[in-house]
Amino acid sequence: MTLDFSKTILEKVSFDRYLFSKELRKLVIWMGNEHDEVKNLYKWCVDNFGQEYSDVIHQVFDRQQFKD
C-alpha cells in the first residue's frame, strides 16, 4: 500500500521538478526501514521518471543504502 500511495503522489507532482524532489525525499523518509518498498520505489522512479528526473532520483537515493 505504501508503494502505491507513493506512486500516486509522485505522478501528481511530476509536472514540477521542485515538487517531485520534495515529495520523493519525504516519501523515502516516510518509508523508513521498509527496505524492499524503498528499492521498489527506486526502480519505479527510474523506469517512469529516469529520463526527466534522473539527477533528482539519484541524489535522493544515493543517500540511502537500498539501491541494488
N, C-alpha and C. Protein backbone atom coordinates (compact mmCIF):
# COMPACT_ATOMS: atom_id res chain seq x y z
N MET A 1 0.82 -1.19 0.00
CA MET A 1 0.00 0.00 0.00
C MET A 1 0.87 1.26 0.00
N THR A 2 1.93 1.23 0.74
CA THR A 2 2.84 2.37 0.80
C THR A 2 3.39 2.71 -0.58
N LEU A 3 3.75 1.70 -1.32
CA LEU A 3 4.32 1.92 -2.65
C LEU A 3 3.29 2.52 -3.59
N ASP A 4 2.08 2.01 -3.56
CA ASP A 4 1.03 2.55 -4.43
C ASP A 4 0.74 4.01 -4.10
N PHE A 5 0.69 4.32 -2.82
CA PHE A 5 0.47 5.70 -2.39
C PHE A 5 1.60 6.59 -2.90
N SER A 6 2.82 6.13 -2.77
CA SER A 6 3.99 6.89 -3.21
C SER A 6 3.94 7.16 -4.70
N LYS A 7 3.59 6.15 -5.47
CA LYS A 7 3.49 6.30 -6.92
C LYS A 7 2.45 7.35 -7.29
N THR A 8 1.31 7.30 -6.61
CA THR A 8 0.24 8.26 -6.88
C THR A 8 0.70 9.69 -6.62
N ILE A 9 1.36 9.90 -5.50
CA ILE A 9 1.84 11.24 -5.15
C ILE A 9 2.84 11.73 -6.19
N LEU A 10 3.81 10.89 -6.53
CA LEU A 10 4.84 11.31 -7.48
C LEU A 10 4.28 11.58 -8.87
N GLU A 11 3.31 10.79 -9.28
CA GLU A 11 2.68 11.05 -10.58
C GLU A 11 1.98 12.41 -10.59
N LYS A 12 1.37 12.76 -9.47
CA LYS A 12 0.62 14.02 -9.40
C LYS A 12 1.53 15.25 -9.36
N VAL A 13 2.75 15.10 -8.88
CA VAL A 13 3.66 16.26 -8.78
C VAL A 13 4.75 16.22 -9.84
N SER A 14 4.69 15.28 -10.74
CA SER A 14 5.78 15.11 -11.71
C SER A 14 5.89 16.25 -12.71
N PHE A 15 4.92 17.13 -12.74
CA PHE A 15 4.98 18.28 -13.66
C PHE A 15 5.99 19.33 -13.20
N ASP A 16 6.43 19.23 -11.94
CA ASP A 16 7.31 20.26 -11.36
C ASP A 16 8.51 19.61 -10.69
N ARG A 17 9.70 19.97 -11.13
CA ARG A 17 10.95 19.39 -10.60
C ARG A 17 11.07 19.56 -9.09
N TYR A 18 10.80 20.77 -8.61
CA TYR A 18 10.94 21.05 -7.18
C TYR A 18 9.98 20.19 -6.36
N LEU A 19 8.71 20.14 -6.77
CA LEU A 19 7.73 19.34 -6.04
C LEU A 19 8.06 17.86 -6.09
N PHE A 20 8.51 17.40 -7.24
CA PHE A 20 8.89 15.99 -7.37
C PHE A 20 10.02 15.66 -6.39
N SER A 21 11.03 16.49 -6.36
CA SER A 21 12.17 16.27 -5.46
C SER A 21 11.73 16.29 -4.00
N LYS A 22 10.94 17.28 -3.65
CA LYS A 22 10.47 17.44 -2.27
C LYS A 22 9.65 16.23 -1.83
N GLU A 23 8.71 15.82 -2.66
CA GLU A 23 7.85 14.69 -2.30
C GLU A 23 8.61 13.38 -2.29
N LEU A 24 9.54 13.20 -3.20
CA LEU A 24 10.33 11.97 -3.21
C LEU A 24 11.15 11.86 -1.93
N ARG A 25 11.75 12.93 -1.51
CA ARG A 25 12.51 12.92 -0.24
C ARG A 25 11.61 12.55 0.93
N LYS A 26 10.45 13.17 0.99
CA LYS A 26 9.51 12.90 2.08
C LYS A 26 9.06 11.45 2.08
N LEU A 27 8.79 10.91 0.90
CA LEU A 27 8.33 9.53 0.81
C LEU A 27 9.40 8.54 1.24
N VAL A 28 10.64 8.79 0.86
CA VAL A 28 11.73 7.89 1.25
C VAL A 28 11.90 7.92 2.77
N ILE A 29 11.83 9.09 3.36
CA ILE A 29 11.91 9.20 4.82
C ILE A 29 10.73 8.50 5.47
N TRP A 30 9.54 8.72 4.92
CA TRP A 30 8.32 8.13 5.46
C TRP A 30 8.37 6.60 5.41
N MET A 31 8.96 6.04 4.37
CA MET A 31 9.06 4.59 4.25
C MET A 31 10.03 4.01 5.27
N GLY A 32 10.97 4.81 5.71
CA GLY A 32 11.88 4.40 6.77
C GLY A 32 12.61 3.11 6.49
N ASN A 33 12.40 2.13 7.34
CA ASN A 33 13.14 0.86 7.27
C ASN A 33 12.50 -0.18 6.36
N GLU A 34 11.53 0.22 5.58
CA GLU A 34 10.89 -0.71 4.65
C GLU A 34 11.77 -0.85 3.40
N HIS A 35 12.87 -1.56 3.56
CA HIS A 35 13.91 -1.63 2.53
C HIS A 35 13.38 -2.10 1.17
N ASP A 36 12.55 -3.13 1.18
CA ASP A 36 12.03 -3.64 -0.09
C ASP A 36 11.15 -2.60 -0.78
N GLU A 37 10.35 -1.88 0.00
CA GLU A 37 9.50 -0.84 -0.57
C GLU A 37 10.35 0.28 -1.18
N VAL A 38 11.40 0.67 -0.48
CA VAL A 38 12.27 1.74 -0.98
C VAL A 38 12.97 1.28 -2.26
N LYS A 39 13.43 0.05 -2.29
CA LYS A 39 14.07 -0.49 -3.50
C LYS A 39 13.09 -0.47 -4.68
N ASN A 40 11.88 -0.90 -4.41
CA ASN A 40 10.86 -0.92 -5.47
C ASN A 40 10.52 0.49 -5.93
N LEU A 41 10.47 1.43 -5.01
CA LEU A 41 10.20 2.82 -5.38
C LEU A 41 11.33 3.36 -6.25
N TYR A 42 12.55 3.05 -5.89
CA TYR A 42 13.70 3.49 -6.69
C TYR A 42 13.60 2.97 -8.12
N LYS A 43 13.35 1.68 -8.25
CA LYS A 43 13.25 1.08 -9.58
C LYS A 43 12.10 1.69 -10.37
N TRP A 44 10.97 1.91 -9.72
CA TRP A 44 9.81 2.50 -10.38
C TRP A 44 10.12 3.93 -10.82
N CYS A 45 10.78 4.70 -9.98
CA CYS A 45 11.14 6.08 -10.32
C CYS A 45 12.06 6.13 -11.53
N VAL A 46 13.04 5.26 -11.55
CA VAL A 46 13.98 5.23 -12.68
C VAL A 46 13.23 4.85 -13.96
N ASP A 47 12.37 3.85 -13.87
CA ASP A 47 11.62 3.41 -15.05
C ASP A 47 10.67 4.48 -15.57
N ASN A 48 10.03 5.22 -14.67
CA ASN A 48 8.99 6.15 -15.07
C ASN A 48 9.44 7.59 -15.22
N PHE A 49 10.46 7.98 -14.48
CA PHE A 49 10.89 9.38 -14.49
C PHE A 49 12.39 9.54 -14.70
N GLY A 50 13.06 8.45 -15.01
CA GLY A 50 14.51 8.47 -15.14
C GLY A 50 15.05 9.42 -16.19
N GLN A 51 14.34 9.56 -17.28
CA GLN A 51 14.83 10.46 -18.33
C GLN A 51 14.70 11.92 -17.92
N GLU A 52 13.62 12.24 -17.25
CA GLU A 52 13.36 13.64 -16.89
C GLU A 52 14.03 14.04 -15.58
N TYR A 53 14.03 13.14 -14.60
CA TYR A 53 14.49 13.49 -13.26
C TYR A 53 15.60 12.58 -12.75
N SER A 54 16.42 12.07 -13.63
CA SER A 54 17.50 11.16 -13.24
C SER A 54 18.37 11.74 -12.13
N ASP A 55 18.75 13.00 -12.27
CA ASP A 55 19.61 13.62 -11.27
C ASP A 55 18.94 13.70 -9.91
N VAL A 56 17.67 14.04 -9.89
CA VAL A 56 16.92 14.13 -8.64
C VAL A 56 16.81 12.76 -7.99
N ILE A 57 16.44 11.77 -8.77
CA ILE A 57 16.28 10.41 -8.26
C ILE A 57 17.58 9.90 -7.66
N HIS A 58 18.66 10.07 -8.38
CA HIS A 58 19.94 9.57 -7.87
C HIS A 58 20.41 10.35 -6.65
N GLN A 59 20.15 11.62 -6.63
CA GLN A 59 20.54 12.43 -5.47
C GLN A 59 19.79 11.97 -4.22
N VAL A 60 18.50 11.72 -4.34
CA VAL A 60 17.71 11.29 -3.19
C VAL A 60 18.12 9.89 -2.74
N PHE A 61 18.25 8.97 -3.68
CA PHE A 61 18.52 7.59 -3.32
C PHE A 61 19.99 7.31 -3.05
N ASP A 62 20.91 8.15 -3.50
CA ASP A 62 22.32 7.94 -3.17
C ASP A 62 22.56 8.06 -1.67
N ARG A 63 21.69 8.76 -1.01
CA ARG A 63 21.80 8.90 0.45
C ARG A 63 21.31 7.65 1.17
N GLN A 64 20.65 6.79 0.45
CA GLN A 64 20.10 5.57 1.01
C GLN A 64 20.99 4.39 0.62
N GLN A 65 20.85 3.31 1.34
CA GLN A 65 21.63 2.11 1.06
C GLN A 65 20.75 1.01 0.46
N PHE A 66 19.69 1.42 -0.23
CA PHE A 66 18.70 0.46 -0.67
C PHE A 66 18.80 0.12 -2.15
N LYS A 67 19.60 0.83 -2.90
CA LYS A 67 19.68 0.57 -4.34
C LYS A 67 20.44 -0.73 -4.59
N ASP A 68 19.90 -1.54 -5.47
CA ASP A 68 20.58 -2.78 -5.88
C ASP A 68 20.43 -2.96 -7.35
